[in-house]
C-alpha atoms as a PDB file:
ATOM      1  CA  MET A   1      -0.081  -0.027  -0.330  1.00  0.00           C
ATOM      2  CA  GLU A   2       1.291   3.698  -0.871  1.00  0.00           C
ATOM      3  CA  VAL A   3       0.152   6.618   0.932  1.00  0.00           C
ATOM      4  CA  ILE A   4       1.018  10.200  -0.639  1.00  0.00           C
ATOM      5  CA  TYR A   5       0.450  13.359   1.347  1.00  0.00           C
ATOM      6  CA  LYS A   6       0.261  16.673  -0.790  1.00  0.00           C
ATOM      7  CA  PHE A   7       0.842  19.883   0.750  1.00  0.00           C
ATOM      8  CA  THR A   8       0.269  22.982  -1.302  1.00  0.00           C
ATOM      9  CA  PHE A   9       2.466  25.406   1.453  1.00  0.00           C
ATOM     10  CA  GLU A  10       0.877  28.524   0.513  1.00  0.00           C
ATOM     11  CA  GLU A  11       1.055  31.824   2.057  1.00  0.00           C
ATOM     12  CA  GLY A  12      -1.041  31.584   5.402  1.00  0.00           C
ATOM     13  CA  SER A  13      -1.574  27.581   5.257  1.00  0.00           C
ATOM     14  CA  ASP A  14      -1.134  25.407   7.827  1.00  0.00           C
ATOM     15  CA  ASP A  15       0.815  22.488   5.717  1.00  0.00           C
ATOM     16  CA  MET A  16       4.115  23.119   7.140  1.00  0.00           C
ATOM     17  CA  ILE A  17       2.873  22.121  10.825  1.00  0.00           C
ATOM     18  CA  ASP A  18       0.817  19.272   9.253  1.00  0.00           C
ATOM     19  CA  LEU A  19       4.228  17.983   7.595  1.00  0.00           C
ATOM     20  CA  LYS A  20       6.015  18.715  10.481  1.00  0.00           C
ATOM     21  CA  LEU A  21       3.442  16.694  12.823  1.00  0.00           C
ATOM     22  CA  ILE A  22       3.702  13.540  10.423  1.00  0.00           C
ATOM     23  CA  GLN A  23       7.249  13.595  10.255  1.00  0.00           C
ATOM     24  CA  ASN A  24       7.456  13.325  13.987  1.00  0.00           C
ATOM     25  CA  ALA A  25       4.248  10.802  14.091  1.00  0.00           C
ATOM     26  CA  THR A  26       6.402   7.788  15.098  1.00  0.00           C
ATOM     27  CA  ALA A  27       8.545   9.875  18.180  1.00  0.00           C
ATOM     28  CA  MET A  28       5.221  10.944  19.730  1.00  0.00           C
ATOM     29  CA  TYR A  29       4.111   7.249  19.789  1.00  0.00           C
ATOM     30  CA  LEU A  30       7.198   6.488  21.217  1.00  0.00           C
ATOM     31  CA  ALA A  31       6.916   9.246  23.742  1.00  0.00           C
ATOM     32  CA  LEU A  32       3.506   8.213  24.361  1.00  0.00           C
ATOM     33  CA  SER A  33       4.461   4.540  24.703  1.00  0.00           C
ATOM     34  CA  GLU A  34       7.083   5.238  27.250  1.00  0.00           C
ATOM     35  CA  ILE A  35       5.058   7.405  29.630  1.00  0.00           C
ATOM     36  CA  ARG A  36       2.077   4.851  29.426  1.00  0.00           C
ATOM     37  CA  GLU A  37       4.690   2.292  30.305  1.00  0.00           C
ATOM     38  CA  GLN A  38       5.861   4.757  33.351  1.00  0.00           C
ATOM     39  CA  THR A  39       2.368   5.545  34.611  1.00  0.00           C
ATOM     40  CA  ARG A  40       2.252   1.581  34.508  1.00  0.00           C
ATOM     41  CA  GLN A  41       5.473   0.789  36.588  1.00  0.00           C
ATOM     42  CA  TRP A  42       4.511   3.617  39.193  1.00  0.00           C
ATOM     43  CA  TYR A  43       1.005   2.161  40.160  1.00  0.00           C
ATOM     44  CA  LYS A  44       1.948  -1.722  39.582  1.00  0.00           C
ATOM     45  CA  TYR A  45       4.975  -1.956  40.941  1.00  0.00           C
ATOM     46  CA  GLY A  46       5.543   0.880  43.099  1.00  0.00           C
ATOM     47  CA  ASP A  47       5.096   0.888  47.146  1.00  0.00           C
ATOM     48  CA  ARG A  48       4.164   4.505  47.421  1.00  0.00           C
ATOM     49  CA  LYS A  49       1.097   5.564  48.267  1.00  0.00           C
ATOM     50  CA  ALA A  50       1.077   8.523  46.016  1.00  0.00           C
ATOM     51  CA  ILE A  51       3.385  10.116  43.725  1.00  0.00           C
ATOM     52  CA  PRO A  52       4.027  13.676  43.548  1.00  0.00           C
ATOM     53  CA  VAL A  53       2.661  15.935  40.932  1.00  0.00           C
ATOM     54  CA  GLU A  54       5.984  17.712  39.912  1.00  0.00           C
ATOM     55  CA  GLU A  55       7.667  13.717  39.640  1.00  0.00           C
ATOM     56  CA  ILE A  56       4.813  13.300  36.882  1.00  0.00           C
ATOM     57  CA  ARG A  57       5.120  16.155  35.575  1.00  0.00           C
ATOM     58  CA  ASP A  58       9.107  16.212  35.014  1.00  0.00           C
ATOM     59  CA  THR A  59       8.682  12.548  34.345  1.00  0.00           C
ATOM     60  CA  ILE A  60       6.486  13.259  30.870  1.00  0.00           C
ATOM     61  CA  TRP A  61       8.464  16.669  30.319  1.00  0.00           C
ATOM     62  CA  ASP A  62      11.500  14.638  29.914  1.00  0.00           C
ATOM     63  CA  ILE A  63       9.990  11.645  28.100  1.00  0.00           C
ATOM     64  CA  THR A  64       8.763  13.931  25.920  1.00  0.00           C
ATOM     65  CA  ALA A  65      11.561  16.251  25.342  1.00  0.00           C
ATOM     66  CA  GLU A  66      14.055  13.136  25.119  1.00  0.00           C
ATOM     67  CA  HIS A  67      11.787  11.821  21.747  1.00  0.00           C
ATOM     68  CA  VAL A  68      10.213  15.011  20.724  1.00  0.00           C
ATOM     69  CA  GLU A  69      11.514  18.527  19.744  1.00  0.00           C
ATOM     70  CA  LEU A  70       8.453  20.238  20.376  1.00  0.00           C
ATOM     71  CA  ASP A  71       9.509  24.252  20.308  1.00  0.00           C
ATOM     72  CA  LYS A  72      10.663  22.982  16.220  1.00  0.00           C
ATOM     73  CA  LEU A  73       7.089  21.803  15.318  1.00  0.00           C
ATOM     74  CA  GLY A  74       5.438  25.548  15.923  1.00  0.00           C
ATOM     75  CA  GLY A  75       1.787  25.770  16.153  1.00  0.00           C
END
């Protein structure tokens, strides 16, 4: 199967953002998979009653930054 995406890149078009999102789809998928696995480990194997919000936030930011350069996606 072949899929072809067509972009016009006209002034004021969102095509550049769409292209960048498509190009980074695999990296975003990997980041979400890693976040999902981390949350599973916290709750299935963790011995703490609660996880600080700051730890959750920092972990999500670190995983996301490891896989995707969000500042380069624009939007």
